[in-house]
């Protein structure tokens, strides 16, 4: 009887995490409305979902051949890759280079000279110093894209503060650094973000790929849109009459339109973050925040004497100590294994010394509700895109640590998307391999293929 009352009390606290299909359909209606505001010239300046055209107009068709460089810059390490394409075959060689902190925080000239030096070393090692090489650049910082090979850095993030770069065209800065050396012939023909890279990487083997999704520390999506739908489009109207749109969907809800599904703990997570009132949708479903949402609920249950017999409050009250990887580990646990992984997290990692099997069951339940809600919210977003694209068979390219390592996220998403899409629309989720490397090179290869078709060298 006591346990029944404990069940009921816990349920009354966590019930708000359960989203009905009606609520998810309302999320979809609001998402579509925000997408249309972003695509419309008059409403884009105030839109929260920005819907940036990427200038990527076509996916690979399998005829791409040759060697291409990819540059992947998004943190303290960056990669230079050589991608060899021969129809469906792809060969990849890569090398990781470090960016010293003094270079990250020095001048833009120092930063891009360092990058150019690393590219020169890589080319020399592969006997390509005297060859004309085309490069695709994955630049994972906030940018305003002005052309396929033109993007201005809006603001540095992730510990970078190199002067003289914000507001400048990063492709031009890279080309100038390469020219200063005079020992290589590299042309950057495309700059993309990791979401577009994920789409392009899958599209090389999967021609129906029209959507890219990142579900990792953060979240974003992109998809192929008809030019007639993109009022912001300032390029040519030639075939193909389409362009990949970088949605920047993490900001969905920044205008309070998702308040009807947010909880007090979502608001706390937002208030304690480095960017309050921004990226509201992302904060409900990406890897950076799920552990903290779960921690707030577990803390509440401990405070109410419903977990660990009231012990462990100090441990569970420490902000940001309950990592999202714990959520994945706990949900991978099986009761028949005596909750071995869950006990390991609670006893060893967190130092809570009063844990019963019943406690483990409840902790696993809370984690499953937090991650199910995240999977359903992302499913609602993808279903909205699939309904808008309205093609009979679409592949969605997905990458990111949350999607890769969580035991049930993919299954939960697939099931919920199929319940939310228009009848008759088929889809599949496909794990994308190395979007920021292979994907960038493929964008460069497609750009060169289209140039060749148009007779442009």
Protein backbone atom coordinates (compact mmCIF):
# COMPACT_ATOMS: atom_id res chain seq x y z
CA UNK A 1 0.00 0.00 0.00
CA UNK A 2 2.84 2.35 0.90
CA UNK A 3 4.48 1.68 -2.45
CA UNK A 4 1.24 2.45 -4.26
CA UNK A 5 1.08 5.83 -2.60
CA UNK A 6 4.78 6.38 -3.41
CA UNK A 7 4.06 5.48 -7.06
CA UNK A 8 1.17 7.93 -7.17
CA UNK A 9 3.16 10.76 -5.60
CA UNK A 10 6.09 10.26 -8.00
CA UNK A 11 3.68 10.05 -10.94
CA UNK A 12 2.02 13.34 -9.95
CA UNK A 13 5.45 15.07 -10.09
CA UNK A 14 6.72 13.63 -13.39
CA UNK A 15 3.42 13.45 -15.28
CA UNK A 16 4.04 16.86 -16.88
CA UNK A 17 6.89 15.29 -18.90
CA UNK A 18 4.40 13.15 -20.84
CA UNK A 19 3.31 14.88 -24.04
CA UNK A 20 0.11 13.71 -25.73
CA UNK A 21 -0.10 13.47 -29.52
CA UNK A 22 -2.52 16.42 -29.42
CA UNK A 23 0.14 18.55 -27.72
CA UNK A 24 2.78 17.36 -30.19
CA UNK A 25 0.49 18.29 -33.10
CA UNK A 26 0.15 21.76 -31.59
CA UNK A 27 3.97 21.91 -31.42
CA UNK A 28 4.00 20.99 -35.13
CA UNK A 29 1.48 23.73 -36.04
CA UNK A 30 3.61 26.28 -34.20
CA UNK A 31 6.82 24.98 -35.80
CA UNK A 32 5.32 25.30 -39.30
CA UNK A 33 4.12 28.82 -38.52
CA UNK A 34 7.61 29.81 -37.29
CA UNK A 35 9.26 28.21 -40.35
CA UNK A 36 7.00 30.24 -42.66
CA UNK A 37 7.83 33.43 -40.75
CA UNK A 38 11.52 32.69 -41.25
CA UNK A 39 11.08 32.07 -45.00
CA UNK A 40 9.04 35.25 -45.53
CA UNK A 41 10.99 38.45 -46.24
CA UNK A 42 8.66 40.70 -44.23
CA UNK A 43 8.66 38.56 -41.08
CA UNK A 44 12.20 37.10 -41.17
CA UNK A 45 13.85 39.95 -39.21
CA UNK A 46 11.72 39.17 -36.14
CA UNK A 47 11.42 35.39 -36.72
CA UNK A 48 12.97 33.10 -34.11
CA UNK A 49 13.56 30.21 -36.58
CA UNK A 50 15.79 31.99 -39.09
CA UNK A 51 15.62 29.57 -42.06
CA UNK A 52 18.93 30.66 -43.64
CA UNK A 53 19.47 29.69 -47.30
CA UNK A 54 22.80 27.80 -47.49
CA UNK A 55 23.31 28.22 -51.28
CA UNK A 56 23.73 24.44 -51.53
CA UNK A 57 21.42 23.61 -54.44
CA UNK A 58 22.02 19.94 -55.20
CA UNK A 59 22.91 16.68 -53.51
CA UNK A 60 25.51 14.24 -54.92
CA UNK A 61 24.32 12.20 -57.92
CA UNK A 62 27.04 9.54 -57.73
CA UNK A 63 29.05 10.78 -60.71
CA UNK A 64 31.42 12.92 -58.62
CA UNK A 65 35.07 11.99 -59.15
CA UNK A 66 38.44 13.31 -58.02
CA UNK A 67 40.26 14.40 -54.87
CA UNK A 68 38.89 17.13 -52.60
CA UNK A 69 40.05 18.69 -49.36
CA UNK A 70 37.81 19.23 -46.37
CA UNK A 71 38.58 21.51 -43.45
CA UNK A 72 36.64 20.97 -40.23
CA UNK A 73 36.97 23.79 -37.71
CA UNK A 74 34.70 23.85 -34.69
CA UNK A 75 36.89 23.71 -31.59
CA UNK A 76 40.43 23.53 -30.26
CA UNK A 77 41.26 20.72 -32.67
CA UNK A 78 40.65 20.97 -36.37
CA UNK A 79 40.88 18.38 -39.11
CA UNK A 80 42.20 18.45 -42.63
CA UNK A 81 40.86 15.63 -44.80
CA UNK A 82 41.59 14.33 -48.28
CA UNK A 83 38.51 12.72 -49.79
CA UNK A 84 38.92 10.65 -52.95
CA UNK A 85 35.67 10.14 -54.83
CA UNK A 86 35.11 7.60 -57.57
CA UNK A 87 31.37 7.23 -58.07
CA UNK A 88 30.00 5.37 -55.03
CA UNK A 89 33.49 4.71 -53.65
CA UNK A 90 34.91 7.11 -51.04
CA UNK A 91 38.47 7.07 -49.69
CA UNK A 92 39.27 9.26 -46.69
CA UNK A 93 42.62 10.26 -45.19
CA UNK A 94 42.74 12.81 -42.41
CA UNK A 95 44.95 14.47 -39.84
CA UNK A 96 44.06 16.34 -36.64
CA UNK A 97 45.89 19.56 -35.80
CA UNK A 98 45.81 21.52 -32.55
CA UNK A 99 45.07 25.23 -32.33
CA UNK A 100 47.14 26.65 -29.45
CA UNK A 101 45.13 28.83 -27.05
CA UNK A 102 47.38 31.79 -27.86
CA UNK A 103 46.32 31.46 -31.51
CA UNK A 104 42.61 31.08 -30.57
CA UNK A 105 42.74 34.37 -28.70
CA UNK A 106 45.32 36.23 -30.84
CA UNK A 107 44.67 37.94 -34.18
CA UNK A 108 42.68 36.62 -37.12
CA UNK A 109 45.81 36.75 -39.28
CA UNK A 110 47.65 34.49 -36.80
CA UNK A 111 44.72 32.05 -36.69
CA UNK A 112 44.30 31.71 -40.46
CA UNK A 113 48.08 31.65 -41.04
CA UNK A 114 48.24 28.72 -38.60
CA UNK A 115 45.40 26.92 -40.45
CA UNK A 116 47.08 27.57 -43.82
CA UNK A 117 50.39 26.21 -42.46
CA UNK A 118 48.66 23.00 -41.37
CA UNK A 119 46.96 22.64 -44.78
CA UNK A 120 50.36 23.13 -46.48
CA UNK A 121 51.91 20.37 -44.31
CA UNK A 122 49.03 18.03 -45.11
CA UNK A 123 49.27 18.71 -48.88
CA UNK A 124 53.03 18.16 -48.80
CA UNK A 125 52.61 14.81 -47.01
CA UNK A 126 50.17 13.71 -49.75
CA UNK A 127 52.23 15.03 -52.68
CA UNK A 128 49.61 17.65 -53.60
CA UNK A 129 51.53 20.89 -53.01
CA UNK A 130 51.70 21.68 -56.74
CA UNK A 131 48.15 20.57 -57.58
CA UNK A 132 45.03 22.75 -57.86
CA UNK A 133 42.78 21.45 -55.07
CA UNK A 134 39.17 22.38 -54.25
CA UNK A 135 38.19 22.60 -50.59
CA UNK A 136 34.96 22.36 -48.60
CA UNK A 137 35.04 24.16 -45.23
CA UNK A 138 32.89 23.14 -42.26
CA UNK A 139 32.93 26.16 -39.98
CA UNK A 140 30.89 25.43 -36.85
CA UNK A 141 30.44 28.96 -35.55
CA UNK A 142 27.48 31.33 -36.03
CA UNK A 143 27.67 32.81 -39.54
CA UNK A 144 25.65 34.83 -41.98
CA UNK A 145 25.91 33.00 -45.28
CA UNK A 146 26.05 35.28 -48.33
CA UNK A 147 26.98 32.73 -50.98
CA UNK A 148 28.12 29.12 -51.29
CA UNK A 149 31.70 30.25 -50.58
CA UNK A 150 30.98 33.41 -48.61
CA UNK A 151 30.06 33.51 -44.91
CA UNK A 152 30.59 36.23 -42.32
CA UNK A 153 31.31 35.24 -38.72
CA UNK A 154 28.67 36.88 -36.56
CA UNK A 155 30.23 36.01 -33.20
CA UNK A 156 32.97 33.77 -31.85
CA UNK A 157 31.97 30.98 -29.43
CA UNK A 158 33.75 27.98 -27.77
CA UNK A 159 36.66 29.98 -26.34
CA UNK A 160 37.74 31.63 -29.61
CA UNK A 161 38.23 35.39 -29.64
CA UNK A 162 40.72 36.02 -32.49
CA UNK A 163 40.50 39.69 -33.38
CA UNK A 164 39.54 41.05 -36.79
CA UNK A 165 37.38 38.05 -37.75
CA UNK A 166 33.88 38.90 -36.54
CA UNK A 167 31.91 40.50 -39.37
CA UNK A 168 34.46 39.30 -41.94
CA UNK A 169 34.16 36.70 -44.70
CA UNK A 170 35.98 33.65 -43.33
CA UNK A 171 36.55 32.17 -46.80
CA UNK A 172 38.35 35.35 -47.88
CA UNK A 173 40.49 35.24 -44.71
CA UNK A 174 41.42 31.62 -45.46
CA UNK A 175 42.22 32.34 -49.14
CA UNK A 176 44.37 35.34 -48.17
CA UNK A 177 46.33 33.21 -45.67
CA UNK A 178 46.92 30.52 -48.32
CA UNK A 179 48.01 33.20 -50.82
CA UNK A 180 50.47 34.70 -48.32
CA UNK A 181 52.33 31.39 -48.21
CA UNK A 182 52.56 31.02 -51.99
CA UNK A 183 53.28 27.28 -51.75
CA UNK A 184 49.86 25.82 -52.56
CA UNK A 185 46.98 26.18 -54.98
CA UNK A 186 43.84 25.72 -52.87
CA UNK A 187 40.41 27.15 -53.68
CA UNK A 188 37.65 27.07 -51.07
CA UNK A 189 34.47 26.50 -53.11
CA UNK A 190 31.98 25.97 -50.26
CA UNK A 191 31.48 26.76 -46.58
CA UNK A 192 28.85 24.80 -44.64
CA UNK A 193 27.74 23.88 -41.13
CA UNK A 194 27.65 20.37 -39.65
CA UNK A 195 23.91 19.90 -40.26
CA UNK A 196 24.27 20.41 -44.02
CA UNK A 197 27.34 18.15 -43.90
CA UNK A 198 25.29 15.36 -42.30
CA UNK A 199 22.67 15.61 -45.08
CA UNK A 200 25.27 15.62 -47.87
CA UNK A 201 27.26 12.73 -46.40
CA UNK A 202 24.16 10.48 -46.33
CA UNK A 203 22.92 11.74 -49.71
CA UNK A 204 26.02 10.32 -51.40
CA UNK A 205 24.64 6.80 -50.95
CA UNK A 206 20.98 7.65 -50.35
CA UNK A 207 19.44 9.76 -53.15
CA UNK A 208 16.21 10.33 -51.21
CA UNK A 209 18.04 12.20 -48.45
CA UNK A 210 16.36 15.59 -48.08
CA UNK A 211 16.73 16.36 -44.36
CA UNK A 212 19.72 16.69 -42.00
CA UNK A 213 19.44 16.60 -38.21
CA UNK A 214 21.99 17.07 -35.43
CA UNK A 215 21.08 15.71 -31.99
CA UNK A 216 24.18 16.10 -29.88
CA UNK A 217 25.28 18.69 -27.36
CA UNK A 218 23.02 21.07 -29.32
CA UNK A 219 20.40 20.51 -32.00
CA UNK A 220 19.69 21.85 -35.48
CA UNK A 221 18.04 20.74 -38.71
CA UNK A 222 18.22 21.53 -42.42
CA UNK A 223 16.22 20.39 -45.43
CA UNK A 224 15.91 20.86 -49.20
CA UNK A 225 13.28 23.51 -49.97
CA UNK A 226 11.69 24.70 -53.24
CA UNK A 227 12.97 28.16 -54.26
CA UNK A 228 9.37 29.30 -54.72
CA UNK A 229 8.95 28.95 -50.94
CA UNK A 230 12.06 31.03 -50.08
CA UNK A 231 11.30 34.76 -50.29
CA UNK A 232 14.77 35.46 -48.87
CA UNK A 233 16.45 33.88 -51.90
CA UNK A 234 18.77 36.35 -53.63
CA UNK A 235 20.51 33.95 -56.04
CA UNK A 236 19.61 32.79 -59.56
CA UNK A 237 16.33 31.03 -60.35
CA UNK A 238 17.94 28.43 -62.64
CA UNK A 239 17.58 24.69 -62.24
CA UNK A 240 17.69 23.05 -59.80
CA UNK A 241 14.99 25.32 -58.33
CA UNK A 242 15.81 24.31 -54.77
CA UNK A 243 18.17 25.16 -51.91
CA UNK A 244 19.07 23.59 -48.57
CA UNK A 245 17.69 25.69 -45.71
CA UNK A 246 19.62 25.83 -42.44
CA UNK A 247 16.72 26.20 -40.01
CA UNK A 248 18.62 27.05 -36.80
CA UNK A 249 15.67 25.36 -35.13
CA UNK A 250 17.17 25.39 -31.61
CA UNK A 251 15.71 28.90 -31.24
CA UNK A 252 12.14 27.66 -31.80
CA UNK A 253 10.17 28.80 -28.74
CA UNK A 254 12.32 31.87 -28.00
CA UNK A 255 9.12 33.93 -28.53
CA UNK A 256 7.31 31.93 -25.79
CA UNK A 257 5.26 29.85 -28.25
CA UNK A 258 6.37 26.62 -26.49
CA UNK A 259 5.45 27.76 -22.98
CA UNK A 260 2.46 25.37 -23.00
CA UNK A 261 4.84 22.36 -22.92
CA UNK A 262 7.61 23.83 -20.73
CA UNK A 263 7.87 22.93 -17.05
CA UNK A 264 9.23 24.90 -14.10
CA UNK A 265 12.38 22.79 -14.37
CA UNK A 266 12.80 23.72 -18.06
CA UNK A 267 12.63 27.35 -16.93
CA UNK A 268 15.25 26.73 -14.22
CA UNK A 269 17.60 25.07 -16.71
CA UNK A 270 17.14 28.05 -19.03
CA UNK A 271 17.70 30.63 -16.25
CA UNK A 272 20.93 28.91 -15.14
CA UNK A 273 22.31 28.61 -18.69
CA UNK A 274 24.85 30.95 -20.31
CA UNK A 275 22.19 32.15 -22.79
CA UNK A 276 18.88 32.62 -20.91
CA UNK A 277 15.72 32.96 -23.05
CA UNK A 278 17.59 31.64 -26.11
CA UNK A 279 17.52 28.19 -27.79
CA UNK A 280 14.39 27.12 -25.87
CA UNK A 281 13.55 24.09 -28.09
CA UNK A 282 17.19 22.93 -27.97
CA UNK A 283 17.17 23.15 -24.16
CA UNK A 284 14.27 20.69 -23.96
CA UNK A 285 15.90 17.99 -26.08
CA UNK A 286 19.65 18.21 -26.61
CA UNK A 287 22.51 16.51 -24.83
CA UNK A 288 23.79 19.59 -23.06
CA UNK A 289 20.62 19.87 -20.96
CA UNK A 290 18.85 16.50 -20.54
CA UNK A 291 20.98 15.42 -17.58
CA UNK A 292 20.25 18.67 -15.77
CA UNK A 293 16.49 18.38 -16.40
CA UNK A 294 16.57 14.84 -14.99
CA UNK A 295 18.62 16.04 -12.00
CA UNK A 296 15.98 18.65 -11.05
CA UNK A 297 13.26 15.98 -10.97
CA UNK A 298 15.43 13.58 -8.97
CA UNK A 299 16.28 16.38 -6.52
CA UNK A 300 12.55 17.07 -6.06
CA UNK A 301 11.88 13.38 -5.35
CA UNK A 302 14.71 13.27 -2.77
CA UNK A 303 13.43 16.47 -1.11
CA UNK A 304 9.96 14.93 -0.86
CA UNK A 305 11.40 11.77 0.73
CA UNK A 306 10.49 9.63 -2.30
CA UNK A 307 14.04 8.54 -3.25
CA UNK A 308 17.04 7.16 -1.33
CA UNK A 309 15.02 7.38 1.90
CA UNK A 310 15.72 11.12 1.91
CA UNK A 311 19.51 10.63 1.70
CA UNK A 312 21.76 12.03 -1.06
CA UNK A 313 20.22 15.52 -1.20
CA UNK A 314 23.63 17.23 -1.15
CA UNK A 315 24.91 15.05 -3.99
CA UNK A 316 21.84 15.38 -6.23
CA UNK A 317 21.55 19.14 -5.56
CA UNK A 318 24.88 19.96 -7.21
CA UNK A 319 24.13 21.71 -10.54
CA UNK A 320 25.34 20.08 -13.77
CA UNK A 321 26.73 17.03 -11.98
CA UNK A 322 24.18 14.59 -13.43
CA UNK A 323 25.52 14.25 -16.98
CA UNK A 324 23.40 13.28 -19.97
CA UNK A 325 25.71 10.27 -20.47
CA UNK A 326 24.37 9.00 -17.10
CA UNK A 327 20.84 9.14 -18.57
CA UNK A 328 21.98 6.93 -21.46
CA UNK A 329 23.84 4.53 -19.15
CA UNK A 330 20.91 4.24 -16.72
CA UNK A 331 18.41 3.61 -19.53
CA UNK A 332 20.68 0.91 -20.99
CA UNK A 333 20.37 -0.98 -17.69
CA UNK A 334 18.22 -4.09 -17.32
CA UNK A 335 16.39 -5.00 -14.09
CA UNK A 336 17.62 -8.59 -14.56
CA UNK A 337 21.20 -7.26 -14.22
CA UNK A 338 20.32 -5.86 -10.77
CA UNK A 339 20.55 -2.29 -12.15
CA UNK A 340 24.33 -2.59 -12.22
CA UNK A 341 24.95 0.55 -14.34
CA UNK A 342 22.38 2.61 -12.41
CA UNK A 343 23.96 1.66 -9.09
CA UNK A 344 27.38 2.48 -10.49
CA UNK A 345 26.21 6.01 -11.44
CA UNK A 346 24.42 6.63 -8.13
CA UNK A 347 26.89 4.99 -5.74
CA UNK A 348 30.25 5.48 -7.44
CA UNK A 349 29.88 8.56 -9.69
CA UNK A 350 27.53 10.59 -7.47
CA UNK A 351 28.45 9.16 -4.06
CA UNK A 352 24.86 8.52 -2.90
CA UNK A 353 25.21 5.74 -0.32
CA UNK A 354 21.62 4.67 0.29
CA UNK A 355 20.26 3.08 -2.92
CA UNK A 356 17.67 0.29 -3.14
CA UNK A 357 16.46 -1.67 -6.20
CA UNK A 358 13.21 0.29 -5.96
CA UNK A 359 15.18 3.57 -6.07
CA UNK A 360 16.98 2.37 -9.21
CA UNK A 361 13.64 1.61 -10.85
CA UNK A 362 12.35 5.14 -10.16
CA UNK A 363 15.58 6.83 -11.29
CA UNK A 364 15.43 4.88 -14.54
CA UNK A 365 11.76 5.88 -14.96
CA UNK A 366 12.53 9.60 -14.53
CA UNK A 367 15.41 9.39 -17.02
CA UNK A 368 13.20 7.57 -19.54
CA UNK A 369 10.51 10.26 -19.32
CA UNK A 370 13.02 13.08 -19.85
CA UNK A 371 14.59 11.42 -22.88
CA UNK A 372 11.24 10.23 -24.32
CA UNK A 373 9.97 13.79 -24.21
CA UNK A 374 13.15 14.93 -26.01
CA UNK A 375 12.74 12.23 -28.68
CA UNK A 376 9.06 13.14 -29.18
CA UNK A 377 9.79 16.88 -29.46
CA UNK A 378 12.48 16.24 -32.07
CA UNK A 379 10.10 13.80 -33.83
CA UNK A 380 7.47 16.56 -33.99
CA UNK A 381 10.03 18.85 -35.66
CA UNK A 382 11.06 16.23 -38.22
CA UNK A 383 7.41 15.31 -38.94
CA UNK A 384 6.70 19.00 -39.61
CA UNK A 385 9.56 19.12 -42.15
CA UNK A 386 8.48 15.85 -43.81
CA UNK A 387 4.91 17.13 -44.16
CA UNK A 388 6.18 20.39 -45.65
CA UNK A 389 8.55 18.67 -48.10
CA UNK A 390 5.63 16.34 -48.96
CA UNK A 391 7.64 13.77 -50.92
CA UNK A 392 6.55 10.12 -50.85
CA UNK A 393 9.86 8.71 -49.60
CA UNK A 394 12.44 10.75 -47.68
CA UNK A 395 15.61 9.79 -45.81
CA UNK A 396 16.59 11.87 -42.78
CA UNK A 397 20.34 12.02 -42.07
CA UNK A 398 21.01 12.13 -38.32
CA UNK A 399 24.22 12.70 -36.39
CA UNK A 400 25.18 13.70 -32.86
CA UNK A 401 26.18 11.98 -29.62
CA UNK A 402 22.68 11.88 -28.12
CA UNK A 403 21.24 10.05 -31.12
CA UNK A 404 24.28 7.78 -31.47
CA UNK A 405 24.65 6.68 -27.86
CA UNK A 406 21.19 6.79 -26.27
CA UNK A 407 19.72 3.26 -26.29
CA UNK A 408 16.13 4.08 -27.37
CA UNK A 409 16.18 7.57 -28.93
CA UNK A 410 16.11 6.34 -32.53
CA UNK A 411 13.27 3.87 -31.92
CA UNK A 412 11.21 6.43 -30.01
CA UNK A 413 11.68 9.00 -32.77
CA UNK A 414 10.79 6.60 -35.58
CA UNK A 415 7.63 5.43 -33.86
CA UNK A 416 6.45 8.95 -33.07
CA UNK A 417 7.29 10.42 -36.50
CA UNK A 418 5.24 7.67 -38.16
CA UNK A 419 2.27 8.64 -35.96
CA UNK A 420 2.62 12.35 -36.81
CA UNK A 421 3.39 12.45 -40.56
CA UNK A 422 0.70 12.66 -43.22
CA UNK A 423 -0.70 9.25 -44.18
CA UNK A 424 1.21 7.71 -47.07
CA UNK A 425 4.50 9.55 -46.49
CA UNK A 426 7.37 7.12 -45.93
CA UNK A 427 10.65 8.03 -44.24
CA UNK A 428 13.74 6.48 -42.72
CA UNK A 429 16.31 7.76 -40.24
CA UNK A 430 19.91 7.08 -41.29
CA UNK A 431 23.01 7.61 -39.15
CA UNK A 432 25.31 10.02 -40.96
CA UNK A 433 29.02 9.25 -41.07
CA UNK A 434 31.45 12.17 -40.74
CA UNK A 435 29.24 14.95 -42.07
CA UNK A 436 31.70 17.68 -41.15
CA UNK A 437 34.49 15.95 -43.11
CA UNK A 438 33.08 13.82 -45.90
CA UNK A 439 29.98 16.06 -46.16
CA UNK A 440 32.07 19.21 -46.70
CA UNK A 441 34.13 17.55 -49.43
CA UNK A 442 30.94 16.36 -51.13
CA UNK A 443 29.53 19.90 -51.16
CA UNK A 444 32.78 20.98 -52.85
CA UNK A 445 32.55 18.08 -55.32
CA UNK A 446 28.94 18.87 -56.22
CA UNK A 447 29.81 22.57 -56.65
CA UNK A 448 32.63 21.60 -59.05
CA UNK A 449 30.35 19.18 -60.91
CA UNK A 450 27.73 21.91 -61.43
CA UNK A 451 30.43 24.35 -62.53
CA UNK A 452 31.57 21.80 -65.09
CA UNK A 453 28.02 21.27 -66.33
CA UNK A 454 27.68 25.02 -66.81
CA UNK A 455 31.06 25.25 -68.52
CA UNK A 456 32.59 27.36 -65.72
CA UNK A 457 36.13 26.54 -64.72
